């Protein structure tokens, strides 16, 4: 796989060269030295720098990002790369996701981001009252009204958002947007297999939206099913050839599977889209 100069990385990730060099000195990357002692970054380094950028955009303090990624690098078994796990923001901290587990790399403790209730055996009903809606009673909301309510609830109360999405799907089981969003909530709660079922339903609805296929890829990655994840990401780019994140993930997985030519093809597609 080709290597990248400091300037290459800065251009691809929207960082300054000073920021890139600062991250290179932080201790979680493994750049080599090229001509004139300049940094030469691997694709795996690029993946980690992109993760650090996304954490910074989520307002995680820079010292927490560096500390968490350094701690995680020490915790992983020898031979495993940080780019093989999913790393997300959790408030002002960092969570690492692998399979159905999530933990804080600084404390080493397993964590649960929020609780989504087990689905009932019959059509879901709201067990806690939703905020009042002056335009229409709760009983007469249609699927889209439940969906809109769920979107508004996600940030402040994921449990109620879960209930609202299930109500939307009770009203219209074919609402693929609700399947995607409910799948994402379940995935964040560690219920990855259930999330996958909702992604599949959305995909099989015949939608041209690549989001379900992309999310399916992320869920399959969490379960270590890399080849199945590759197929899902390919489905996403088949639906939208300009889906830069899907090309990036394909490049990363093909690289991890030793498929260098395929990795290079998708990384070049990613570069064309973001430059």
Protein backbone atom coordinates (compact mmCIF):
# COMPACT_ATOMS: atom_id res chain seq x y z
CA UNK A 1 0.00 0.00 0.00
CA UNK A 2 1.30 3.45 -0.84
CA UNK A 3 2.54 5.76 1.90
CA UNK A 4 1.55 9.39 2.45
CA UNK A 5 3.52 12.51 3.22
CA UNK A 6 2.48 15.02 5.85
CA UNK A 7 1.14 17.23 3.07
CA UNK A 8 -0.89 14.34 1.57
CA UNK A 9 -2.51 13.57 4.93
CA UNK A 10 -3.26 17.23 5.65
CA UNK A 11 -5.00 17.62 2.28
CA UNK A 12 -7.02 14.39 2.56
CA UNK A 13 -8.23 14.98 6.10
CA UNK A 14 -8.62 18.74 6.10
CA UNK A 15 -5.93 19.28 8.73
CA UNK A 16 -2.95 21.59 8.83
CA UNK A 17 0.50 20.09 8.43
CA UNK A 18 1.29 21.26 11.95
CA UNK A 19 -1.68 19.28 13.29
CA UNK A 20 -0.57 16.17 11.42
CA UNK A 21 2.98 16.38 12.77
CA UNK A 22 1.64 16.95 16.28
CA UNK A 23 -0.49 13.81 16.05
CA UNK A 24 2.50 11.87 14.72
CA UNK A 25 4.38 12.71 17.92
CA UNK A 26 1.45 11.70 20.17
CA UNK A 27 2.44 8.03 20.39
CA UNK A 28 -0.45 6.15 18.76
CA UNK A 29 0.80 6.26 15.15
CA UNK A 30 3.70 4.37 13.57
CA UNK A 31 4.96 6.60 10.75
CA UNK A 32 8.28 5.88 9.09
CA UNK A 33 10.82 8.45 8.02
CA UNK A 34 11.35 9.26 4.37
CA UNK A 35 13.65 11.58 2.44
CA UNK A 36 14.94 14.53 4.49
CA UNK A 37 13.58 12.77 7.60
CA UNK A 38 9.96 13.61 6.71
CA UNK A 39 7.11 11.48 7.98
CA UNK A 40 5.71 8.74 5.74
CA UNK A 41 2.31 7.58 6.94
CA UNK A 42 0.72 4.21 6.23
CA UNK A 43 -2.93 3.72 5.34
CA UNK A 44 -3.52 2.44 8.89
CA UNK A 45 -2.05 5.70 10.22
CA UNK A 46 -4.45 7.57 7.96
CA UNK A 47 -7.39 5.61 9.41
CA UNK A 48 -6.36 6.56 12.93
CA UNK A 49 -5.80 10.20 12.05
CA UNK A 50 -9.26 10.29 10.52
CA UNK A 51 -10.66 8.78 13.73
CA UNK A 52 -8.85 11.41 15.81
CA UNK A 53 -10.27 14.15 13.59
CA UNK A 54 -13.82 12.80 14.00
CA UNK A 55 -13.39 12.65 17.79
CA UNK A 56 -12.17 16.24 17.78
CA UNK A 57 -15.20 17.26 15.71
CA UNK A 58 -17.35 15.58 18.38
CA UNK A 59 -15.71 17.99 20.90
CA UNK A 60 -13.60 15.41 22.69
CA UNK A 61 -10.62 17.36 24.14
CA UNK A 62 -7.36 16.71 22.30
CA UNK A 63 -5.56 15.46 25.42
CA UNK A 64 -8.33 12.87 25.98
CA UNK A 65 -8.09 11.69 22.38
CA UNK A 66 -4.34 11.18 22.58
CA UNK A 67 -4.47 9.56 26.00
CA UNK A 68 -7.26 7.17 24.98
CA UNK A 69 -5.60 6.13 21.73
CA UNK A 70 -2.22 5.59 23.44
CA UNK A 71 -3.87 3.50 26.16
CA UNK A 72 -5.77 1.48 23.58
CA UNK A 73 -2.60 0.81 21.59
CA UNK A 74 -1.07 -0.72 24.74
CA UNK A 75 -4.18 -2.79 25.52
CA UNK A 76 -4.61 -4.49 22.14
CA UNK A 77 -2.91 -7.88 21.64
CA UNK A 78 0.39 -7.79 19.76
CA UNK A 79 -0.12 -7.63 16.01
CA UNK A 80 -3.55 -5.98 16.17
CA UNK A 81 -4.03 -2.49 14.79
CA UNK A 82 -6.11 0.26 16.37
CA UNK A 83 -7.82 0.57 12.99
CA UNK A 84 -9.43 -2.85 13.51
CA UNK A 85 -11.77 -1.59 16.25
CA UNK A 86 -14.49 1.08 16.13
CA UNK A 87 -13.73 4.17 18.21
CA UNK A 88 -16.42 6.74 19.00
CA UNK A 89 -16.98 9.77 21.19
CA UNK A 90 -18.86 9.37 24.47
CA UNK A 91 -19.47 12.84 25.81
CA UNK A 92 -16.00 14.23 26.50
CA UNK A 93 -14.45 10.77 26.47
CA UNK A 94 -13.83 7.88 24.10
CA UNK A 95 -15.45 4.45 23.74
CA UNK A 96 -14.05 1.44 21.91
CA UNK A 97 -16.52 -0.98 20.32
CA UNK A 98 -15.72 -4.58 19.48
CA UNK A 99 -18.51 -7.05 18.94
CA UNK A 100 -21.22 -6.39 21.51
CA UNK A 101 -18.80 -4.86 24.01
CA UNK A 102 -17.85 -1.23 24.54
CA UNK A 103 -15.19 -0.03 26.94
CA UNK A 104 -13.32 3.06 28.03
CA UNK A 105 -9.66 2.62 27.03
CA UNK A 106 -8.48 5.02 29.75
CA UNK A 107 -10.15 3.14 32.61
CA UNK A 108 -10.45 -0.27 30.96
CA UNK A 109 -14.03 -0.52 32.22
CA UNK A 110 -16.89 -1.93 30.16
CA UNK A 111 -19.56 0.69 29.57
CA UNK A 112 -23.12 0.92 28.32
CA UNK A 113 -24.02 4.09 26.45
CA UNK A 114 -27.74 3.78 27.02
CA UNK A 115 -30.40 1.12 27.42
CA UNK A 116 -32.80 0.15 24.68
CA UNK A 117 -35.51 -2.16 26.03
CA UNK A 118 -35.96 -5.69 24.75
CA UNK A 119 -38.68 -5.74 22.06
CA UNK A 120 -42.06 -6.99 23.33
CA UNK A 121 -43.70 -10.05 21.79
CA UNK A 122 -46.46 -7.94 20.24
CA UNK A 123 -46.60 -4.53 18.57
CA UNK A 124 -44.67 -2.02 20.65
CA UNK A 125 -46.55 0.48 22.79
CA UNK A 126 -45.14 3.60 24.40
CA UNK A 127 -44.57 2.87 28.08
CA UNK A 128 -43.71 6.46 29.04
CA UNK A 129 -45.60 9.50 27.80
CA UNK A 130 -44.08 11.39 24.90
CA UNK A 131 -44.06 15.20 24.93
CA UNK A 132 -47.52 16.59 24.17
CA UNK A 133 -48.30 17.41 20.56
CA UNK A 134 -50.87 20.16 20.22
CA UNK A 135 -51.49 19.47 16.54
CA UNK A 136 -52.69 15.89 16.84
CA UNK A 137 -53.26 13.30 19.56
CA UNK A 138 -50.71 10.53 20.02
CA UNK A 139 -53.29 7.89 19.09
CA UNK A 140 -53.78 9.38 15.63
CA UNK A 141 -50.17 9.96 14.62
CA UNK A 142 -49.20 8.41 11.33
CA UNK A 143 -45.89 6.65 10.63
CA UNK A 144 -44.04 9.79 9.51
CA UNK A 145 -45.23 11.76 12.54
CA UNK A 146 -43.90 9.01 14.83
CA UNK A 147 -40.67 8.99 12.81
CA UNK A 148 -40.22 12.76 13.15
CA UNK A 149 -40.90 12.50 16.89
CA UNK A 150 -38.26 9.76 17.18
CA UNK A 151 -35.62 11.83 15.38
CA UNK A 152 -36.23 14.72 17.80
CA UNK A 153 -35.95 12.38 20.80
CA UNK A 154 -32.74 10.58 19.81
CA UNK A 155 -30.25 13.03 21.32
CA UNK A 156 -31.97 13.52 24.68
CA UNK A 157 -33.79 10.22 25.27
CA UNK A 158 -32.79 7.22 23.11
CA UNK A 159 -35.21 4.93 24.98
CA UNK A 160 -38.21 7.03 24.02
CA UNK A 161 -36.81 7.36 20.51
CA UNK A 162 -36.76 3.56 20.35
CA UNK A 163 -40.43 3.45 21.32
CA UNK A 164 -41.33 6.10 18.75
CA UNK A 165 -39.52 4.25 15.95
CA UNK A 166 -41.33 1.03 16.84
CA UNK A 167 -44.62 2.92 16.73
CA UNK A 168 -43.70 4.27 13.30
CA UNK A 169 -43.01 0.71 12.11
CA UNK A 170 -46.24 -0.53 13.65
CA UNK A 171 -48.06 2.08 11.57
CA UNK A 172 -46.00 1.34 8.44
CA UNK A 173 -43.68 -1.71 8.50
CA UNK A 174 -42.23 -0.67 5.12
CA UNK A 175 -40.84 2.69 6.34
CA UNK A 176 -37.19 1.96 5.54
CA UNK A 177 -35.91 5.17 7.16
CA UNK A 178 -37.29 4.00 10.51
CA UNK A 179 -35.63 0.60 10.08
CA UNK A 180 -32.27 2.34 9.45
CA UNK A 181 -32.54 4.64 12.47
CA UNK A 182 -33.87 1.96 14.79
CA UNK A 183 -31.04 -0.30 13.64
CA UNK A 184 -28.51 2.39 14.50
CA UNK A 185 -29.98 2.80 18.01
CA UNK A 186 -29.83 -0.95 18.58
CA UNK A 187 -26.28 -1.10 17.26
CA UNK A 188 -25.15 1.66 19.63
CA UNK A 189 -26.77 -0.23 22.49
CA UNK A 190 -24.72 -3.34 21.65
CA UNK A 191 -27.63 -5.28 20.14
CA UNK A 192 -25.87 -5.71 16.82
CA UNK A 193 -27.69 -8.79 15.58
CA UNK A 194 -31.06 -7.07 15.97
CA UNK A 195 -29.69 -4.00 14.21
CA UNK A 196 -28.62 -6.18 11.28
CA UNK A 197 -32.19 -7.47 10.87
CA UNK A 198 -33.50 -3.92 10.50
CA UNK A 199 -30.76 -3.01 8.00
CA UNK A 200 -31.65 -6.07 5.92
CA UNK A 201 -35.34 -5.14 5.91
CA UNK A 202 -34.48 -1.66 4.65
CA UNK A 203 -32.16 -3.02 1.96
CA UNK A 204 -34.74 -5.55 0.77
CA UNK A 205 -37.36 -2.81 0.48
CA UNK A 206 -35.67 -1.84 -2.79
CA UNK A 207 -34.58 1.60 -1.59
CA UNK A 208 -31.89 3.45 -3.51
CA UNK A 209 -30.59 4.91 -0.22
CA UNK A 210 -27.11 3.41 0.48
CA UNK A 211 -27.25 4.16 4.21
CA UNK A 212 -28.68 0.78 5.24
CA UNK A 213 -26.00 -1.11 3.32
CA UNK A 214 -23.27 1.09 4.80
CA UNK A 215 -24.61 0.65 8.36
CA UNK A 216 -24.85 -3.08 7.75
CA UNK A 217 -21.17 -3.04 6.87
CA UNK A 218 -20.28 -1.33 10.15
CA UNK A 219 -22.37 -3.84 12.12
CA UNK A 220 -20.77 -6.81 10.39
CA UNK A 221 -17.35 -5.35 11.09
CA UNK A 222 -18.21 -5.22 14.81
CA UNK A 223 -18.90 -8.96 14.66
CA UNK A 224 -15.59 -9.62 12.90
CA UNK A 225 -17.32 -10.64 9.66
CA UNK A 226 -14.99 -8.70 7.42
CA UNK A 227 -15.81 -10.37 4.10
CA UNK A 228 -19.54 -9.94 4.66
CA UNK A 229 -18.86 -6.31 5.59
CA UNK A 230 -16.96 -5.84 2.33
CA UNK A 231 -20.00 -7.12 0.41
CA UNK A 232 -22.25 -4.67 2.26
CA UNK A 233 -19.96 -1.71 1.56
CA UNK A 234 -19.80 -2.74 -2.11
CA UNK A 235 -23.59 -2.67 -2.16
CA UNK A 236 -23.48 0.86 -0.74
CA UNK A 237 -21.11 2.12 -3.46
CA UNK A 238 -23.16 0.32 -6.12
CA UNK A 239 -26.11 2.44 -4.98
CA UNK A 240 -24.02 5.62 -4.72
CA UNK A 241 -20.60 5.59 -6.34
CA UNK A 242 -19.81 8.93 -4.60
CA UNK A 243 -20.22 7.52 -1.09
CA UNK A 244 -16.73 8.49 0.11
CA UNK A 245 -16.96 6.84 3.55
CA UNK A 246 -17.94 3.52 1.97
CA UNK A 247 -14.91 3.67 -0.34
CA UNK A 248 -12.70 4.50 2.65
CA UNK A 249 -14.00 1.53 4.65
CA UNK A 250 -13.59 -0.75 1.64
CA UNK A 251 -9.99 0.37 1.26
CA UNK A 252 -9.36 -0.29 4.95
CA UNK A 253 -10.92 -3.76 4.94
CA UNK A 254 -9.32 -4.86 1.67
CA UNK A 255 -5.98 -3.75 3.15
CA UNK A 256 -6.61 -5.81 6.30
CA UNK A 257 -7.57 -8.81 4.16
CA UNK A 258 -4.34 -8.50 2.18
CA UNK A 259 -6.14 -7.47 -1.01
CA UNK A 260 -3.82 -4.60 -1.87
CA UNK A 261 -5.01 -3.94 -5.43
CA UNK A 262 -8.65 -3.63 -4.32
CA UNK A 263 -7.63 -1.48 -1.36
CA UNK A 264 -5.73 0.88 -3.62
CA UNK A 265 -8.64 1.14 -6.06
CA UNK A 266 -11.08 2.21 -3.35
CA UNK A 267 -8.65 4.50 -1.64
CA UNK A 268 -8.03 6.31 -4.92
CA UNK A 269 -11.80 6.64 -5.33
CA UNK A 270 -11.97 8.11 -1.82
CA UNK A 271 -9.17 10.58 -2.63
CA UNK A 272 -10.93 11.75 -5.80
CA UNK A 273 -14.13 12.39 -3.84
CA UNK A 274 -12.63 14.32 -0.95
CA UNK A 275 -9.96 16.35 -2.71
